[in-house]
C-alpha atoms as a PDB file:
ATOM      1  CA  MET A   1     119.531  91.596 106.852  1.00  0.00           C
ATOM      2  CA  ALA A   2     118.597  94.018 109.632  1.00  0.00           C
ATOM      3  CA  ARG A   3     116.268  92.759 112.328  1.00  0.00           C
ATOM      4  CA  ILE A   4     112.730  94.128 112.243  1.00  0.00           C
ATOM      5  CA  ARG A   5     110.464  94.473 115.242  1.00  0.00           C
ATOM      6  CA  VAL A   6     107.460  92.137 115.088  1.00  0.00           C
ATOM      7  CA  PHE A   7     104.315  93.767 116.471  1.00  0.00           C
ATOM      8  CA  GLY A   8     100.598  92.950 116.659  1.00  0.00           C
ATOM      9  CA  VAL A   9     100.795  89.575 114.887  1.00  0.00           C
ATOM     10  CA  ALA A  10     103.498  87.815 112.923  1.00  0.00           C
ATOM     11  CA  ALA A  11     101.801  88.749 109.649  1.00  0.00           C
ATOM     12  CA  ILE A  12     102.854  92.358 110.160  1.00  0.00           C
ATOM     13  CA  ALA A  13     106.492  91.361 109.733  1.00  0.00           C
ATOM     14  CA  VAL A  14     105.512  90.155 106.267  1.00  0.00           C
ATOM     15  CA  VAL A  15     104.163  93.622 105.496  1.00  0.00           C
ATOM     16  CA  LEU A  16     107.524  95.143 106.301  1.00  0.00           C
ATOM     17  CA  LEU A  17     109.332  92.791 103.945  1.00  0.00           C
ATOM     18  CA  ALA A  18     107.031  91.905 101.070  1.00  0.00           C
ATOM     19  CA  SER A  19     106.074  94.200  98.221  1.00  0.00           C
ATOM     20  CA  PRO A  20     102.396  95.259  98.209  1.00  0.00           C
ATOM     21  CA  PRO A  21     100.293  93.880  95.344  1.00  0.00           C
ATOM     22  CA  ALA A  22      99.444  96.041  92.370  1.00  0.00           C
ATOM     23  CA  LEU A  23      95.875  97.090  91.576  1.00  0.00           C
ATOM     24  CA  ALA A  24      95.416  94.128  89.242  1.00  0.00           C
ATOM     25  CA  GLY A  25      96.577  90.555  89.608  1.00  0.00           C
ATOM     26  CA  ALA A  26      96.745  88.050  92.414  1.00  0.00           C
ATOM     27  CA  ASP A  27      97.702  88.847  95.977  1.00  0.00           C
ATOM     28  CA  PRO A  28     100.965  87.202  97.036  1.00  0.00           C
ATOM     29  CA  ALA A  29     100.710  83.957  98.979  1.00  0.00           C
ATOM     30  CA  VAL A  30     100.266  84.421 102.693  1.00  0.00           C
ATOM     31  CA  GLY A  31     103.596  84.145 104.440  1.00  0.00           C
ATOM     32  CA  SER A  32     105.713  84.535 101.296  1.00  0.00           C
ATOM     33  CA  VAL A  33     108.542  86.871 102.213  1.00  0.00           C
ATOM     34  CA  ALA A  34     110.753  88.598  99.686  1.00  0.00           C
ATOM     35  CA  THR A  35     113.968  88.557 101.682  1.00  0.00           C
ATOM     36  CA  GLY A  36     116.341  91.437 101.233  1.00  0.00           C
ATOM     37  CA  VAL A  37     113.667  93.830  99.903  1.00  0.00           C
ATOM     38  CA  ARG A  38     114.355  97.408 100.956  1.00  0.00           C
ATOM     39  CA  LEU A  39     111.406  99.522 102.079  1.00  0.00           C
ATOM     40  CA  SER A  40     112.494 102.188  99.593  1.00  0.00           C
ATOM     41  CA  SER A  41     111.913  99.688  96.774  1.00  0.00           C
ATOM     42  CA  LEU A  42     108.240  99.102  97.601  1.00  0.00           C
ATOM     43  CA  PRO A  43     106.182 100.514  94.689  1.00  0.00           C
ATOM     44  CA  ASP A  44     103.894 102.710  96.808  1.00  0.00           C
ATOM     45  CA  ALA A  45     106.198 103.523  99.712  1.00  0.00           C
ATOM     46  CA  THR A  46     106.379 107.246 100.441  1.00  0.00           C
ATOM     47  CA  LEU A  47     109.521 108.702 101.989  1.00  0.00           C
ATOM     48  CA  THR A  48     108.683 110.583 105.197  1.00  0.00           C
ATOM     49  CA  ALA A  49     110.651 112.640 107.678  1.00  0.00           C
ATOM     50  CA  GLY A  50     111.703 109.582 109.686  1.00  0.00           C
ATOM     51  CA  GLY A  51     111.109 106.589 107.429  1.00  0.00           C
ATOM     52  CA  TYR A  52     108.349 105.354 105.121  1.00  0.00           C
ATOM     53  CA  ALA A  53     104.559 105.263 104.820  1.00  0.00           C
ATOM     54  CA  ILE A  54     103.071 102.334 102.880  1.00  0.00           C
ATOM     55  CA  PRO A  55      99.404 102.396 101.740  1.00  0.00           C
ATOM     56  CA  LEU A  56      97.651  99.146 102.635  1.00  0.00           C
ATOM     57  CA  ARG A  57      95.645  98.718  99.444  1.00  0.00           C
ATOM     58  CA  GLY A  58      95.201  95.142  98.225  1.00  0.00           C
ATOM     59  CA  ALA A  59      94.896  93.802  94.691  1.00  0.00           C
ATOM     60  CA  ARG A  60      91.744  93.212  92.716  1.00  0.00           C
ATOM     61  CA  PRO A  61      91.502  89.395  92.809  1.00  0.00           C
ATOM     62  CA  ASP A  62      92.290  87.391  89.683  1.00  0.00           C
ATOM     63  CA  TRP A  63      88.869  85.743  89.666  1.00  0.00           C
ATOM     64  CA  TYR A  64      87.251  89.172  89.284  1.00  0.00           C
ATOM     65  CA  THR A  65      87.931  89.439  85.557  1.00  0.00           C
ATOM     66  CA  SER A  66      87.128  92.312  83.232  1.00  0.00           C
ATOM     67  CA  SER A  67      84.332  90.198  81.761  1.00  0.00           C
ATOM     68  CA  LEU A  68      82.832  89.589  85.211  1.00  0.00           C
ATOM     69  CA  HIS A  69      83.154  93.283  86.001  1.00  0.00           C
ATOM     70  CA  ARG A  70      81.125  94.162  82.891  1.00  0.00           C
ATOM     71  CA  GLN A  71      78.447  91.653  83.925  1.00  0.00           C
ATOM     72  CA  VAL A  72      78.202  93.215  87.386  1.00  0.00           C
ATOM     73  CA  GLN A  73      77.903  96.691  85.883  1.00  0.00           C
ATOM     74  CA  ALA A  74      75.162  95.512  83.524  1.00  0.00           C
ATOM     75  CA  SER A  75      73.128  93.628  86.139  1.00  0.00           C
ATOM     76  CA  GLY A  76      73.822  95.681  89.260  1.00  0.00           C
ATOM     77  CA  THR A  77      73.864  92.567  91.468  1.00  0.00           C
ATOM     78  CA  LEU A  78      75.293  89.200  90.475  1.00  0.00           C
ATOM     79  CA  ALA A  79      75.790  85.922  92.331  1.00  0.00           C
ATOM     80  CA  ALA A  80      79.441  85.575  93.344  1.00  0.00           C
ATOM     81  CA  PRO A  81      81.361  82.794  91.565  1.00  0.00           C
ATOM     82  CA  VAL A  82      82.191  79.691  93.587  1.00  0.00           C
ATOM     83  CA  VAL A  83      85.896  80.626  93.553  1.00  0.00           C
ATOM     84  CA  ALA A  84      85.184  83.828  95.481  1.00  0.00           C
ATOM     85  CA  PRO A  85      85.972  83.801  99.229  1.00  0.00           C
ATOM     86  CA  LEU A  86      82.929  83.848 101.498  1.00  0.00           C
ATOM     87  CA  PRO A  87      82.305  87.344 102.897  1.00  0.00           C
ATOM     88  CA  SER A  88      81.185  87.792 106.491  1.00  0.00           C
ATOM     89  CA  THR A  89      79.386  91.132 106.227  1.00  0.00           C
ATOM     90  CA  VAL A  90      75.766  91.564 105.189  1.00  0.00           C
ATOM     91  CA  GLY A  91      74.684  94.356 102.871  1.00  0.00           C
ATOM     92  CA  ILE A  92      76.400  97.743 102.514  1.00  0.00           C
ATOM     93  CA  ARG A  93      77.971  98.892 105.768  1.00  0.00           C
ATOM     94  CA  PRO A  94      81.207  99.998 107.460  1.00  0.00           C
ATOM     95  CA  GLY A  95      83.581  97.065 107.066  1.00  0.00           C
ATOM     96  CA  ALA A  96      82.136  95.883 103.738  1.00  0.00           C
ATOM     97  CA  TRP A  97      84.614  94.251 101.347  1.00  0.00           C
ATOM     98  CA  MET A  98      85.608  96.228  98.251  1.00  0.00           C
ATOM     99  CA  ILE A  99      86.677  94.054  95.302  1.00  0.00           C
ATOM    100  CA  ALA A 100      87.111  96.753  92.651  1.00  0.00           C
ATOM    101  CA  PRO A 101      88.730  99.051  91.762  1.00  0.00           C
ATOM    102  CA  ALA A 102      91.036  97.574  94.435  1.00  0.00           C
ATOM    103  CA  GLY A 103      90.948  95.077  97.275  1.00  0.00           C
ATOM    104  CA  CYS A 104      90.118  97.349 100.218  1.00  0.00           C
ATOM    105  CA  THR A 105      87.564  97.942 102.970  1.00  0.00           C
ATOM    106  CA  MET A 106      84.705 100.438 103.146  1.00  0.00           C
ATOM    107  CA  ASN A 107      84.443 102.719 106.170  1.00  0.00           C
ATOM    108  CA  PHE A 108      81.542 104.915 107.274  1.00  0.00           C
ATOM    109  CA  VAL A 109      78.080 105.485 105.829  1.00  0.00           C
ATOM    110  CA  PHE A 110      77.118 109.089 105.061  1.00  0.00           C
ATOM    111  CA  GLN A 111      73.732 110.548 104.261  1.00  0.00           C
ATOM    112  CA  GLN A 112      72.342 113.594 102.510  1.00  0.00           C
ATOM    113  CA  GLY A 113      68.575 113.865 102.552  1.00  0.00           C
ATOM    114  CA  GLY A 114      67.309 110.446 101.515  1.00  0.00           C
ATOM    115  CA  SER A 115      70.549 109.488  99.751  1.00  0.00           C
ATOM    116  CA  TYR A 116      73.439 107.408 101.077  1.00  0.00           C
ATOM    117  CA  ALA A 117      77.157 107.210 100.342  1.00  0.00           C
ATOM    118  CA  ILE A 118      80.007 105.168 101.817  1.00  0.00           C
ATOM    119  CA  GLY A 119      83.691 105.900 102.309  1.00  0.00           C
ATOM    120  CA  THR A 120      86.996 104.127 101.748  1.00  0.00           C
ATOM    121  CA  ALA A 121      90.644 105.190 101.416  1.00  0.00           C
ATOM    122  CA  GLY A 122      91.420 107.638  98.642  1.00  0.00           C
ATOM    123  CA  HIS A 123      94.298 105.522  97.348  1.00  0.00           C
ATOM    124  CA  CYS A 124      91.868 102.599  96.820  1.00  0.00           C
ATOM    125  CA  VAL A 125      90.265 104.332  93.828  1.00  0.00           C
ATOM    126  CA  THR A 126      91.758 105.793  90.674  1.00  0.00           C
ATOM    127  CA  ARG A 127      89.288 108.435  89.472  1.00  0.00           C
ATOM    128  CA  VAL A 128      86.000 110.149  90.197  1.00  0.00           C
ATOM    129  CA  GLY A 129      83.109 108.438  88.414  1.00  0.00           C
ATOM    130  CA  GLU A 130      84.498 104.895  88.357  1.00  0.00           C
ATOM    131  CA  ALA A 131      82.297 102.028  89.540  1.00  0.00           C
ATOM    132  CA  VAL A 132      82.778 100.461  92.975  1.00  0.00           C
ATOM    133  CA  THR A 133      82.086  96.734  93.450  1.00  0.00           C
ATOM    134  CA  LEU A 134      81.524  95.028  96.805  1.00  0.00           C
ATOM    135  CA  LEU A 135      81.566  91.336  97.691  1.00  0.00           C
ATOM    136  CA  THR A 136      78.912  90.923 100.364  1.00  0.00           C
ATOM    137  CA  LEU A 137      76.002  88.825 101.586  1.00  0.00           C
ATOM    138  CA  ALA A 138      72.571  89.765 100.253  1.00  0.00           C
ATOM    139  CA  PRO A 139      70.270  90.864 103.097  1.00  0.00           C
ATOM    140  CA  GLY A 140      67.492  88.411 103.788  1.00  0.00           C
ATOM    141  CA  THR A 141      68.942  85.525 101.797  1.00  0.00           C
ATOM    142  CA  GLU A 142      72.581  86.077 102.861  1.00  0.00           C
ATOM    143  CA  ASN A 143      73.833  84.674  99.574  1.00  0.00           C
ATOM    144  CA  PRO A 144      77.304  85.900  98.483  1.00  0.00           C
ATOM    145  CA  VAL A 145      76.876  88.487  95.744  1.00  0.00           C
ATOM    146  CA  LEU A 146      78.853  91.032  93.772  1.00  0.00           C
ATOM    147  CA  VAL A 147      77.188  94.451  93.921  1.00  0.00           C
ATOM    148  CA  ASN A 148      77.746  97.543  91.820  1.00  0.00           C
ATOM    149  CA  VAL A 149      77.237  99.814  94.815  1.00  0.00           C
ATOM    150  CA  GLY A 150      77.635 103.089  92.915  1.00  0.00           C
ATOM    151  CA  SER A 151      80.429 105.350  91.694  1.00  0.00           C
ATOM    152  CA  VAL A 152      83.205 107.455  93.190  1.00  0.00           C
ATOM    153  CA  LEU A 153      81.936 110.920  94.100  1.00  0.00           C
ATOM    154  CA  SER A 154      85.209 112.367  95.396  1.00  0.00           C
ATOM    155  CA  ALA A 155      88.721 111.168  96.200  1.00  0.00           C
ATOM    156  CA  ARG A 156      91.738 112.531  98.039  1.00  0.00           C
ATOM    157  CA  ASP A 157      95.093 110.705  98.050  1.00  0.00           C
ATOM    158  CA  ASN A 158      97.617 113.024  99.668  1.00  0.00           C
ATOM    159  CA  GLY A 159      99.132 110.707 102.252  1.00  0.00           C
ATOM    160  CA  ILE A 160      98.464 110.185 105.946  1.00  0.00           C
ATOM    161  CA  GLY A 161      95.776 112.527 107.229  1.00  0.00           C
ATOM    162  CA  ASP A 162      94.454 113.433 103.784  1.00  0.00           C
ATOM    163  CA  ASP A 163      93.374 110.100 102.317  1.00  0.00           C
ATOM    164  CA  PHE A 164      89.667 109.443 101.778  1.00  0.00           C
ATOM    165  CA  ALA A 165      87.202 108.657  98.997  1.00  0.00           C
ATOM    166  CA  LEU A 166      83.414 108.740  98.953  1.00  0.00           C
ATOM    167  CA  ALA A 167      81.253 106.520  96.743  1.00  0.00           C
ATOM    168  CA  SER A 168      77.564 106.907  96.012  1.00  0.00           C
ATOM    169  CA  ILE A 169      75.065 104.180  96.873  1.00  0.00           C
ATOM    170  CA  ARG A 170      72.440 103.552  94.211  1.00  0.00           C
ATOM    171  CA  PRO A 171      68.943 104.472  95.541  1.00  0.00           C
ATOM    172  CA  GLU A 172      67.581 100.998  94.803  1.00  0.00           C
ATOM    173  CA  LEU A 173      70.126  99.639  97.315  1.00  0.00           C
ATOM    174  CA  ASN A 174      69.004 101.861 100.211  1.00  0.00           C
ATOM    175  CA  GLY A 175      67.407  98.836 101.865  1.00  0.00           C
ATOM    176  CA  TRP A 176      70.836  97.159 101.938  1.00  0.00           C
ATOM    177  CA  VAL A 177      72.437 100.006 103.926  1.00  0.00           C
ATOM    178  CA  ASP A 178      73.383  99.537 107.594  1.00  0.00           C
ATOM    179  CA  PRO A 179      75.553 102.301 109.148  1.00  0.00           C
ATOM    180  CA  THR A 180      76.732 100.022 112.001  1.00  0.00           C
ATOM    181  CA  ILE A 181      80.380  98.909 111.839  1.00  0.00           C
ATOM    182  CA  ALA A 182      80.450  95.143 111.328  1.00  0.00           C
ATOM    183  CA  VAL A 183      81.016  93.241 114.616  1.00  0.00           C
ATOM    184  CA  VAL A 184      82.698  96.094 116.521  1.00  0.00           C
ATOM    185  CA  GLY A 185      79.638  98.404 116.621  1.00  0.00           C
ATOM    186  CA  GLY A 186      79.187 102.156 116.339  1.00  0.00           C
ATOM    187  CA  PRO A 187      79.904 104.768 115.190  1.00  0.00           C
ATOM    188  CA  CYS A 188      78.164 106.921 117.772  1.00  0.00           C
ATOM    189  CA  GLY A 189      79.279 110.454 117.044  1.00  0.00           C
ATOM    190  CA  THR A 190      82.891 111.474 116.483  1.00  0.00           C
ATOM    191  CA  TYR A 191      86.075 111.449 118.549  1.00  0.00           C
ATOM    192  CA  SER A 192      87.982 114.747 118.714  1.00  0.00           C
ATOM    193  CA  ALA A 193      90.209 114.296 121.793  1.00  0.00           C
ATOM    194  CA  SER A 194      93.796 113.052 121.819  1.00  0.00           C
ATOM    195  CA  GLY A 195      93.898 109.711 123.645  1.00  0.00           C
ATOM    196  CA  PRO A 196      95.490 107.464 124.693  1.00  0.00           C
ATOM    197  CA  GLU A 197      92.631 105.314 123.451  1.00  0.00           C
ATOM    198  CA  THR A 198      91.892 101.692 122.652  1.00  0.00           C
ATOM    199  CA  VAL A 199      90.740 101.553 119.032  1.00  0.00           C
ATOM    200  CA  TRP A 200      89.005  98.891 116.963  1.00  0.00           C
ATOM    201  CA  HIS A 201      88.927  98.480 113.196  1.00  0.00           C
ATOM    202  CA  TYR A 202      87.292  95.956 110.907  1.00  0.00           C
ATOM    203  CA  GLY A 203      89.094  95.055 107.689  1.00  0.00           C
ATOM    204  CA  HIS A 204      89.791  92.517 104.977  1.00  0.00           C
ATOM    205  CA  GLY A 205      93.554  92.275 105.223  1.00  0.00           C
ATOM    206  CA  LEU A 206      95.239  89.432 103.366  1.00  0.00           C
ATOM    207  CA  GLY A 207      96.175  86.588 105.698  1.00  0.00           C
ATOM    208  CA  ILE A 208      94.864  88.055 108.958  1.00  0.00           C
ATOM    209  CA  GLY A 209      91.264  88.605 108.052  1.00  0.00           C
ATOM    210  CA  THR A 210      90.300  88.061 104.423  1.00  0.00           C
ATOM    211  CA  GLY A 211      86.532  87.890 104.697  1.00  0.00           C
ATOM    212  CA  GLY A 212      86.524  90.286 107.640  1.00  0.00           C
ATOM    213  CA  THR A 213      88.142  90.408 111.095  1.00  0.00           C
ATOM    214  CA  PRO A 214      87.827  92.889 113.988  1.00  0.00           C
ATOM    215  CA  ARG A 215      91.159  93.998 115.479  1.00  0.00           C
ATOM    216  CA  ALA A 216      92.117  96.076 118.497  1.00  0.00           C
ATOM    217  CA  GLY A 217      95.023  98.446 119.032  1.00  0.00           C
ATOM    218  CA  VAL A 218      96.201 101.312 121.215  1.00  0.00           C
ATOM    219  CA  ALA A 219      96.283 104.808 119.723  1.00  0.00           C
ATOM    220  CA  LEU A 220      98.785 107.232 121.225  1.00  0.00           C
ATOM    221  CA  SER A 221      99.545 109.455 118.216  1.00  0.00           C
ATOM    222  CA  TRP A 222      96.888 112.106 117.599  1.00  0.00           C
ATOM    223  CA  ARG A 223      97.604 114.926 115.164  1.00  0.00           C
ATOM    224  CA  ALA A 224      95.361 117.561 113.610  1.00  0.00           C
ATOM    225  CA  ASP A 225      94.188 115.474 110.637  1.00  0.00           C
ATOM    226  CA  ALA A 226      95.900 112.117 111.299  1.00  0.00           C
ATOM    227  CA  PHE A 227      96.211 109.515 114.037  1.00  0.00           C
ATOM    228  CA  GLY A 228      98.315 106.426 114.666  1.00  0.00           C
ATOM    229  CA  TRP A 229      98.194 103.243 116.706  1.00  0.00           C
ATOM    230  CA  ASP A 230      99.988  99.971 117.370  1.00  0.00           C
ATOM    231  CA  GLY A 231      98.074  96.885 116.269  1.00  0.00           C
ATOM    232  CA  ALA A 232      97.628  94.530 113.318  1.00  0.00           C
ATOM    233  CA  ALA A 233      96.999  95.552 109.704  1.00  0.00           C
ATOM    234  CA  ILE A 234      98.066  94.396 106.255  1.00  0.00           C
ATOM    235  CA  PHE A 235      97.284  94.899 102.552  1.00  0.00           C
ATOM    236  CA  GLY A 236      93.526  94.981 102.010  1.00  0.00           C
ATOM    237  CA  ASP A 237      92.807  96.794 105.287  1.00  0.00           C
ATOM    238  CA  SER A 238      92.997 100.238 103.666  1.00  0.00           C
ATOM    239  CA  GLY A 239      89.796 102.174 104.176  1.00  0.00           C
ATOM    240  CA  SER A 240      88.759 100.265 107.317  1.00  0.00           C
ATOM    241  CA  PRO A 241      86.524 102.126 109.810  1.00  0.00           C
ATOM    242  CA  VAL A 242      88.191 102.831 113.161  1.00  0.00           C
ATOM    243  CA  ARG A 243      86.357 103.690 116.395  1.00  0.00           C
ATOM    244  CA  VAL A 244      87.402 104.251 119.999  1.00  0.00           C
ATOM    245  CA  THR A 245      86.191 102.374 123.101  1.00  0.00           C
ATOM    246  CA  ASP A 246      82.978 104.405 123.557  1.00  0.00           C
ATOM    247  CA  LEU A 247      82.007 103.730 119.913  1.00  0.00           C
ATOM    248  CA  LYS A 248      82.855 107.219 118.593  1.00  0.00           C
ATOM    249  CA  ALA A 249      84.301 107.291 115.068  1.00  0.00           C
ATOM    250  CA  ALA A 250      88.059 107.920 115.122  1.00  0.00           C
ATOM    251  CA  GLY A 251      88.786 107.840 111.373  1.00  0.00           C
ATOM    252  CA  ASN A 252      89.956 105.386 108.731  1.00  0.00           C
ATOM    253  CA  LEU A 253      92.971 103.118 108.307  1.00  0.00           C
ATOM    254  CA  THR A 254      95.236 103.980 105.386  1.00  0.00           C
ATOM    255  CA  HIS A 255      98.965 103.294 105.950  1.00  0.00           C
ATOM    256  CA  LEU A 256     101.615 101.205 107.599  1.00  0.00           C
ATOM    257  CA  VAL A 257     104.205 103.611 109.010  1.00  0.00           C
ATOM    258  CA  VAL A 258     107.831 102.586 109.445  1.00  0.00           C
ATOM    259  CA  ASP A 259     108.809 105.995 110.717  1.00  0.00           C
ATOM    260  CA  THR A 260     110.558 107.172 113.878  1.00  0.00           C
ATOM    261  CA  THR A 261     108.408 110.329 114.007  1.00  0.00           C
ATOM    262  CA  TRP A 262     105.297 108.171 114.525  1.00  0.00           C
ATOM    263  CA  LEU A 263     106.662 105.879 117.266  1.00  0.00           C
ATOM    264  CA  PRO A 264     105.121 104.042 119.066  1.00  0.00           C
ATOM    265  CA  SER A 265     102.564 103.860 116.239  1.00  0.00           C
ATOM    266  CA  PHE A 266     102.890 101.564 113.228  1.00  0.00           C
ATOM    267  CA  ILE A 267      99.475 102.060 111.624  1.00  0.00           C
ATOM    268  CA  ALA A 268      97.987 105.418 110.659  1.00  0.00           C
ATOM    269  CA  GLY A 269      94.951 106.963 109.063  1.00  0.00           C
ATOM    270  CA  THR A 270      92.859 110.062 108.447  1.00  0.00           C
ATOM    271  CA  ARG A 271      90.977 111.468 111.449  1.00  0.00           C
ATOM    272  CA  ILE A 272      87.207 111.678 111.307  1.00  0.00           C
ATOM    273  CA  GLY A 273      87.218 115.497 111.449  1.00  0.00           C
ATOM    274  CA  ARG A 274      89.231 115.656 108.242  1.00  0.00           C
ATOM    275  CA  ILE A 275      87.050 112.948 106.699  1.00  0.00           C
ATOM    276  CA  GLN A 276      83.962 115.028 107.427  1.00  0.00           C
ATOM    277  CA  GLN A 277      85.562 117.991 105.685  1.00  0.00           C
ATOM    278  CA  LEU A 278      86.386 115.858 102.647  1.00  0.00           C
ATOM    279  CA  ALA A 279      82.848 114.419 102.601  1.00  0.00           C
ATOM    280  CA  GLY A 280      81.486 117.899 101.932  1.00  0.00           C
ATOM    281  CA  GLY A 281      77.736 118.128 102.488  1.00  0.00           C
ATOM    282  CA  TRP A 282      77.426 114.456 103.439  1.00  0.00           C
ATOM    283  CA  THR A 283      76.738 113.750 107.134  1.00  0.00           C
ATOM    284  CA  LEU A 284      78.132 110.788 109.092  1.00  0.00           C
ATOM    285  CA  ALA A 285      75.371 108.265 109.866  1.00  0.00           C
ATOM    286  CA  ASP A 286      75.346 106.814 113.387  1.00  0.00           C
ATOM    287  CA  GLY A 287      75.355 103.058 113.827  1.00  0.00           C
ATOM    288  CA  ALA A 288      74.301 101.000 116.824  1.00  0.00           C
ATOM    289  CA  PRO A 289      74.097 100.571 119.717  1.00  0.00           C
ATOM    290  CA  CYS A 290      73.938 104.315 120.451  1.00  0.00           C
ATOM    291  CA  LEU A 291      72.087 105.987 123.340  1.00  0.00           C
END
């Protein structure tokens, strides 16, 4: 089998070898490697000019059954079962953990008048109007809960640089909203230059951060609607908010790229300018600390 460069952390080598999980069913065991798997055989791998792009969507966990989903939709907020992993984020914010319709990460908070919405990757949802469930800690009590945050308002899944979805936030949950990216801070405005830049994202990738982990990288690839960096990411990180050193929003995380045209980058996403276009009349909400 051909040798593969290991970058960021050892878990990334697993990404290059193991098939990504489907939208339903259990995530594969951490460290389980399907030897001999060709990148072209990965279910969601997209052939690019110089290799492949692989969306980093995770699976909806087995414990989140259809019956439990119906209960969450009926109640709005439900105590998480004891088998659920403990989340590390509080409320509804950039970096919150999406459980359904897929295992992904939410990115930035947007506002329109007195209403709020929150983004993720477009490939993490399947249709406009479907319900979005988060696993988070309830503000004040910080008990782990499942929350029907709202429904998908819009979705775009056209590959790197055109991959974003926006979900509504129910008005009764406005008090749960915090636009600050978990742990890493910001966003404070938007980044429109072209690096090189140190970037940070916060995601729920299987094995290197389930529950939430901040990760740094170096972004050298800046294109009109897309950007790329070298760092650590894995299935479940899709949708993660990404910001540069001075806290400006850079964009979201969507794909692993095994592609010579993106070197030295191995992770890519949609730039914030394109995200703002796709968000329509919704305005990016600044986090903290911002001057």
